[in-house]
């Protein structure tokens, strides 16, 4: 199979997927190396395709429901509060779309998280620990933004209240 056909199959697999697909799985599925898959996604993005790379794998953006709301939360905490912060959001019915920090040289740095359950929090924390990677918020002394998706203003208010009570939400 040539590269063009492989990229068509990658988009087809992502379109049909109900959950993120890992680069390792896609590489095995298509009989190439994971690095080839990474390069294919770079080319697909450059061609205008919106493809998210998350800790769980690759996915296409979902059509946003008119019932959900998005909000940006300004947070600050130490590394040991990540689990608590994410749990407050998902336990109240929210989804953590991304994390954003403001870098002094590069400007805004954003990482897609797409975390909506305790299981996904556990997977994220495991990858964080096993990779020995630094959190983006470490660059800014713990200050960061999260885009969250919630089903209602009431859910958003509850999340904000709990984060504020734990000293995580920054006052506006």
C-alpha atoms as a PDB file:
ATOM      1  CA  UNK A   1       0.000   0.000   0.000  1.00  0.00           C
ATOM      2  CA  UNK A   2       1.292   3.453  -0.810  1.00  0.00           C
ATOM      3  CA  UNK A   3       1.403   6.427   1.567  1.00  0.00           C
ATOM      4  CA  UNK A   4      -1.696   8.085   0.108  1.00  0.00           C
ATOM      5  CA  UNK A   5      -3.782   4.933   0.625  1.00  0.00           C
ATOM      6  CA  UNK A   6      -2.390   4.504   4.170  1.00  0.00           C
ATOM      7  CA  UNK A   7      -3.384   8.069   5.084  1.00  0.00           C
ATOM      8  CA  UNK A   8      -6.865   7.486   3.663  1.00  0.00           C
ATOM      9  CA  UNK A   9      -7.119   4.368   5.854  1.00  0.00           C
ATOM     10  CA  UNK A  10      -5.924   6.314   8.902  1.00  0.00           C
ATOM     11  CA  UNK A  11      -8.725   8.847   8.456  1.00  0.00           C
ATOM     12  CA  UNK A  12     -11.196   6.027   7.856  1.00  0.00           C
ATOM     13  CA  UNK A  13     -10.127   4.264  11.086  1.00  0.00           C
ATOM     14  CA  UNK A  14     -10.380   7.484  13.106  1.00  0.00           C
ATOM     15  CA  UNK A  15     -13.793   8.303  11.667  1.00  0.00           C
ATOM     16  CA  UNK A  16     -15.133   4.867  12.630  1.00  0.00           C
ATOM     17  CA  UNK A  17     -13.504   4.814  16.079  1.00  0.00           C
ATOM     18  CA  UNK A  18     -15.598   5.301  19.198  1.00  0.00           C
ATOM     19  CA  UNK A  19     -12.492   6.028  21.289  1.00  0.00           C
ATOM     20  CA  UNK A  20      -8.941   7.294  20.660  1.00  0.00           C
ATOM     21  CA  UNK A  21      -6.610   5.005  18.693  1.00  0.00           C
ATOM     22  CA  UNK A  22      -2.976   4.702  19.715  1.00  0.00           C
ATOM     23  CA  UNK A  23      -0.148   5.154  17.236  1.00  0.00           C
ATOM     24  CA  UNK A  24       1.157   1.703  18.214  1.00  0.00           C
ATOM     25  CA  UNK A  25      -2.190   0.046  17.406  1.00  0.00           C
ATOM     26  CA  UNK A  26      -2.506   1.915  14.112  1.00  0.00           C
ATOM     27  CA  UNK A  27       1.062   0.978  13.147  1.00  0.00           C
ATOM     28  CA  UNK A  28       0.377  -2.721  13.752  1.00  0.00           C
ATOM     29  CA  UNK A  29      -2.956  -2.491  11.945  1.00  0.00           C
ATOM     30  CA  UNK A  30      -1.335  -0.946   8.852  1.00  0.00           C
ATOM     31  CA  UNK A  31       1.969  -2.847   8.985  1.00  0.00           C
ATOM     32  CA  UNK A  32       4.281   0.148   9.433  1.00  0.00           C
ATOM     33  CA  UNK A  33       6.309   1.690  12.243  1.00  0.00           C
ATOM     34  CA  UNK A  34       4.790   4.044  14.806  1.00  0.00           C
ATOM     35  CA  UNK A  35       7.078   6.776  13.460  1.00  0.00           C
ATOM     36  CA  UNK A  36       5.513   6.405  10.006  1.00  0.00           C
ATOM     37  CA  UNK A  37       2.092   6.928  11.618  1.00  0.00           C
ATOM     38  CA  UNK A  38       3.336  10.072  13.397  1.00  0.00           C
ATOM     39  CA  UNK A  39       4.621  11.415  10.074  1.00  0.00           C
ATOM     40  CA  UNK A  40       1.365  10.534   8.322  1.00  0.00           C
ATOM     41  CA  UNK A  41      -0.620  12.482  10.911  1.00  0.00           C
ATOM     42  CA  UNK A  42       1.683  15.475  10.482  1.00  0.00           C
ATOM     43  CA  UNK A  43       1.032  15.400   6.733  1.00  0.00           C
ATOM     44  CA  UNK A  44      -2.720  14.957   7.225  1.00  0.00           C
ATOM     45  CA  UNK A  45      -2.781  17.949   9.607  1.00  0.00           C
ATOM     46  CA  UNK A  46      -0.772  20.058   7.161  1.00  0.00           C
ATOM     47  CA  UNK A  47      -3.411  19.200   4.543  1.00  0.00           C
ATOM     48  CA  UNK A  48      -6.071  20.738   6.790  1.00  0.00           C
ATOM     49  CA  UNK A  49      -7.400  17.737   8.714  1.00  0.00           C
ATOM     50  CA  UNK A  50      -8.107  18.386  12.382  1.00  0.00           C
ATOM     51  CA  UNK A  51      -6.709  15.445  14.339  1.00  0.00           C
ATOM     52  CA  UNK A  52      -6.192  15.512  18.085  1.00  0.00           C
ATOM     53  CA  UNK A  53      -3.230  13.745  19.658  1.00  0.00           C
ATOM     54  CA  UNK A  54      -4.193  12.999  23.261  1.00  0.00           C
ATOM     55  CA  UNK A  55      -2.641  10.892  26.030  1.00  0.00           C
ATOM     56  CA  UNK A  56      -5.159   8.178  25.069  1.00  0.00           C
ATOM     57  CA  UNK A  57      -4.332   8.256  21.353  1.00  0.00           C
ATOM     58  CA  UNK A  58      -5.448   9.981  18.158  1.00  0.00           C
ATOM     59  CA  UNK A  59      -9.009  11.121  17.513  1.00  0.00           C
ATOM     60  CA  UNK A  60     -11.082  13.364  15.340  1.00  0.00           C
ATOM     61  CA  UNK A  61     -13.068  16.196  16.929  1.00  0.00           C
ATOM     62  CA  UNK A  62     -16.658  15.308  17.651  1.00  0.00           C
ATOM     63  CA  UNK A  63     -19.526  17.426  16.470  1.00  0.00           C
ATOM     64  CA  UNK A  64     -20.274  19.611  19.446  1.00  0.00           C
ATOM     65  CA  UNK A  65     -23.619  19.120  21.089  1.00  0.00           C
ATOM     66  CA  UNK A  66     -25.745  22.222  21.408  1.00  0.00           C
ATOM     67  CA  UNK A  67     -26.496  21.087  24.970  1.00  0.00           C
ATOM     68  CA  UNK A  68     -22.907  21.370  26.189  1.00  0.00           C
ATOM     69  CA  UNK A  69     -21.072  24.490  27.280  1.00  0.00           C
ATOM     70  CA  UNK A  70     -17.363  25.243  27.183  1.00  0.00           C
ATOM     71  CA  UNK A  71     -15.576  27.369  29.729  1.00  0.00           C
ATOM     72  CA  UNK A  72     -11.986  28.246  30.574  1.00  0.00           C
ATOM     73  CA  UNK A  73     -10.858  27.830  34.169  1.00  0.00           C
ATOM     74  CA  UNK A  74      -7.718  29.527  35.509  1.00  0.00           C
ATOM     75  CA  UNK A  75      -6.070  27.214  38.017  1.00  0.00           C
ATOM     76  CA  UNK A  76      -2.953  27.083  40.147  1.00  0.00           C
ATOM     77  CA  UNK A  77      -1.643  24.187  42.207  1.00  0.00           C
ATOM     78  CA  UNK A  78       1.376  22.016  42.861  1.00  0.00           C
ATOM     79  CA  UNK A  79       2.002  18.757  41.037  1.00  0.00           C
ATOM     80  CA  UNK A  80       0.463  16.665  43.811  1.00  0.00           C
ATOM     81  CA  UNK A  81      -2.987  18.224  43.216  1.00  0.00           C
ATOM     82  CA  UNK A  82      -3.458  17.104  39.592  1.00  0.00           C
ATOM     83  CA  UNK A  83      -5.545  14.062  40.523  1.00  0.00           C
ATOM     84  CA  UNK A  84      -7.741  16.125  42.838  1.00  0.00           C
ATOM     85  CA  UNK A  85      -8.256  18.876  40.252  1.00  0.00           C
ATOM     86  CA  UNK A  86      -9.169  16.506  37.417  1.00  0.00           C
ATOM     87  CA  UNK A  87     -11.388  14.397  39.701  1.00  0.00           C
ATOM     88  CA  UNK A  88     -13.407  17.426  40.801  1.00  0.00           C
ATOM     89  CA  UNK A  89     -14.110  18.264  37.171  1.00  0.00           C
ATOM     90  CA  UNK A  90     -15.066  14.781  35.944  1.00  0.00           C
ATOM     91  CA  UNK A  91     -16.903  13.712  39.124  1.00  0.00           C
ATOM     92  CA  UNK A  92     -19.230  16.673  38.638  1.00  0.00           C
ATOM     93  CA  UNK A  93     -19.966  15.795  35.016  1.00  0.00           C
ATOM     94  CA  UNK A  94     -17.326  17.845  33.212  1.00  0.00           C
ATOM     95  CA  UNK A  95     -14.728  16.905  30.634  1.00  0.00           C
ATOM     96  CA  UNK A  96     -11.216  18.380  30.593  1.00  0.00           C
ATOM     97  CA  UNK A  97     -10.564  19.282  26.973  1.00  0.00           C
ATOM     98  CA  UNK A  98      -7.048  20.698  27.294  1.00  0.00           C
ATOM     99  CA  UNK A  99      -4.420  22.403  29.418  1.00  0.00           C
ATOM    100  CA  UNK A 100      -2.897  25.737  28.372  1.00  0.00           C
ATOM    101  CA  UNK A 101       0.083  27.665  29.749  1.00  0.00           C
ATOM    102  CA  UNK A 102       1.636  30.957  28.714  1.00  0.00           C
ATOM    103  CA  UNK A 103       5.348  30.499  27.945  1.00  0.00           C
ATOM    104  CA  UNK A 104       7.569  33.589  28.052  1.00  0.00           C
ATOM    105  CA  UNK A 105       9.238  32.748  24.723  1.00  0.00           C
ATOM    106  CA  UNK A 106       6.764  30.583  22.790  1.00  0.00           C
ATOM    107  CA  UNK A 107       3.515  32.173  23.926  1.00  0.00           C
ATOM    108  CA  UNK A 108       0.533  29.902  24.429  1.00  0.00           C
ATOM    109  CA  UNK A 109       1.314  26.195  24.730  1.00  0.00           C
ATOM    110  CA  UNK A 110      -1.656  23.847  24.622  1.00  0.00           C
ATOM    111  CA  UNK A 111      -2.007  20.109  25.089  1.00  0.00           C
ATOM    112  CA  UNK A 112      -5.188  18.184  24.306  1.00  0.00           C
ATOM    113  CA  UNK A 113      -6.249  16.033  27.248  1.00  0.00           C
ATOM    114  CA  UNK A 114      -9.829  14.914  26.513  1.00  0.00           C
ATOM    115  CA  UNK A 115     -10.275  13.485  30.017  1.00  0.00           C
ATOM    116  CA  UNK A 116     -13.847  12.694  30.982  1.00  0.00           C
ATOM    117  CA  UNK A 117     -13.668   9.799  33.460  1.00  0.00           C
ATOM    118  CA  UNK A 118     -11.782   8.468  36.478  1.00  0.00           C
ATOM    119  CA  UNK A 119     -10.327   5.729  34.260  1.00  0.00           C
ATOM    120  CA  UNK A 120      -8.894   8.338  31.894  1.00  0.00           C
ATOM    121  CA  UNK A 121      -7.473  10.272  34.858  1.00  0.00           C
ATOM    122  CA  UNK A 122      -5.751   7.090  36.038  1.00  0.00           C
ATOM    123  CA  UNK A 123      -4.307   6.415  32.589  1.00  0.00           C
ATOM    124  CA  UNK A 124      -3.084  10.010  32.304  1.00  0.00           C
ATOM    125  CA  UNK A 125      -1.450   9.961  35.743  1.00  0.00           C
ATOM    126  CA  UNK A 126       0.176   6.602  35.008  1.00  0.00           C
ATOM    127  CA  UNK A 127       1.639   7.930  31.746  1.00  0.00           C
ATOM    128  CA  UNK A 128       2.777  11.101  33.495  1.00  0.00           C
ATOM    129  CA  UNK A 129       4.590   9.116  36.173  1.00  0.00           C
ATOM    130  CA  UNK A 130       6.044   6.402  33.926  1.00  0.00           C
ATOM    131  CA  UNK A 131       7.275   8.866  31.292  1.00  0.00           C
ATOM    132  CA  UNK A 132       8.903  11.092  33.921  1.00  0.00           C
ATOM    133  CA  UNK A 133       7.623  14.022  31.847  1.00  0.00           C
ATOM    134  CA  UNK A 134       7.157  17.457  33.359  1.00  0.00           C
ATOM    135  CA  UNK A 135       3.689  18.943  33.542  1.00  0.00           C
ATOM    136  CA  UNK A 136       3.200  22.054  31.417  1.00  0.00           C
ATOM    137  CA  UNK A 137       2.116  23.965  34.544  1.00  0.00           C
ATOM    138  CA  UNK A 138       5.604  23.496  36.019  1.00  0.00           C
ATOM    139  CA  UNK A 139       6.820  26.106  33.503  1.00  0.00           C
ATOM    140  CA  UNK A 140       4.540  28.716  35.067  1.00  0.00           C
ATOM    141  CA  UNK A 141       4.798  27.885  38.759  1.00  0.00           C
ATOM    142  CA  UNK A 142       1.574  25.889  38.629  1.00  0.00           C
ATOM    143  CA  UNK A 143      -0.551  28.485  36.803  1.00  0.00           C
ATOM    144  CA  UNK A 144      -2.530  27.033  33.904  1.00  0.00           C
ATOM    145  CA  UNK A 145      -5.861  27.102  32.108  1.00  0.00           C
ATOM    146  CA  UNK A 146      -8.238  24.251  31.401  1.00  0.00           C
ATOM    147  CA  UNK A 147     -10.923  24.307  28.771  1.00  0.00           C
ATOM    148  CA  UNK A 148     -13.776  22.242  30.189  1.00  0.00           C
ATOM    149  CA  UNK A 149     -16.974  21.012  28.627  1.00  0.00           C
ATOM    150  CA  UNK A 150     -20.046  20.755  30.851  1.00  0.00           C
ATOM    151  CA  UNK A 151     -23.716  19.948  30.291  1.00  0.00           C
ATOM    152  CA  UNK A 152     -25.044  23.015  32.145  1.00  0.00           C
ATOM    153  CA  UNK A 153     -24.271  26.239  33.993  1.00  0.00           C
ATOM    154  CA  UNK A 154     -25.180  24.452  37.237  1.00  0.00           C
ATOM    155  CA  UNK A 155     -22.475  21.841  36.669  1.00  0.00           C
ATOM    156  CA  UNK A 156     -19.954  24.561  35.834  1.00  0.00           C
ATOM    157  CA  UNK A 157     -20.858  26.465  39.026  1.00  0.00           C
ATOM    158  CA  UNK A 158     -20.421  23.309  41.136  1.00  0.00           C
ATOM    159  CA  UNK A 159     -17.007  22.595  39.585  1.00  0.00           C
ATOM    160  CA  UNK A 160     -15.864  26.186  40.172  1.00  0.00           C
ATOM    161  CA  UNK A 161     -17.109  26.117  43.763  1.00  0.00           C
ATOM    162  CA  UNK A 162     -15.274  22.870  44.592  1.00  0.00           C
ATOM    163  CA  UNK A 163     -12.051  23.983  42.873  1.00  0.00           C
ATOM    164  CA  UNK A 164     -12.203  27.289  44.734  1.00  0.00           C
ATOM    165  CA  UNK A 165     -12.791  25.548  48.082  1.00  0.00           C
ATOM    166  CA  UNK A 166      -9.704  23.398  47.468  1.00  0.00           C
ATOM    167  CA  UNK A 167      -7.587  26.465  46.642  1.00  0.00           C
ATOM    168  CA  UNK A 168      -7.114  25.405  43.009  1.00  0.00           C
ATOM    169  CA  UNK A 169      -9.301  27.895  41.107  1.00  0.00           C
ATOM    170  CA  UNK A 170      -7.736  31.323  40.740  1.00  0.00           C
ATOM    171  CA  UNK A 171     -10.051  34.214  41.555  1.00  0.00           C
ATOM    172  CA  UNK A 172     -11.032  36.494  38.714  1.00  0.00           C
END
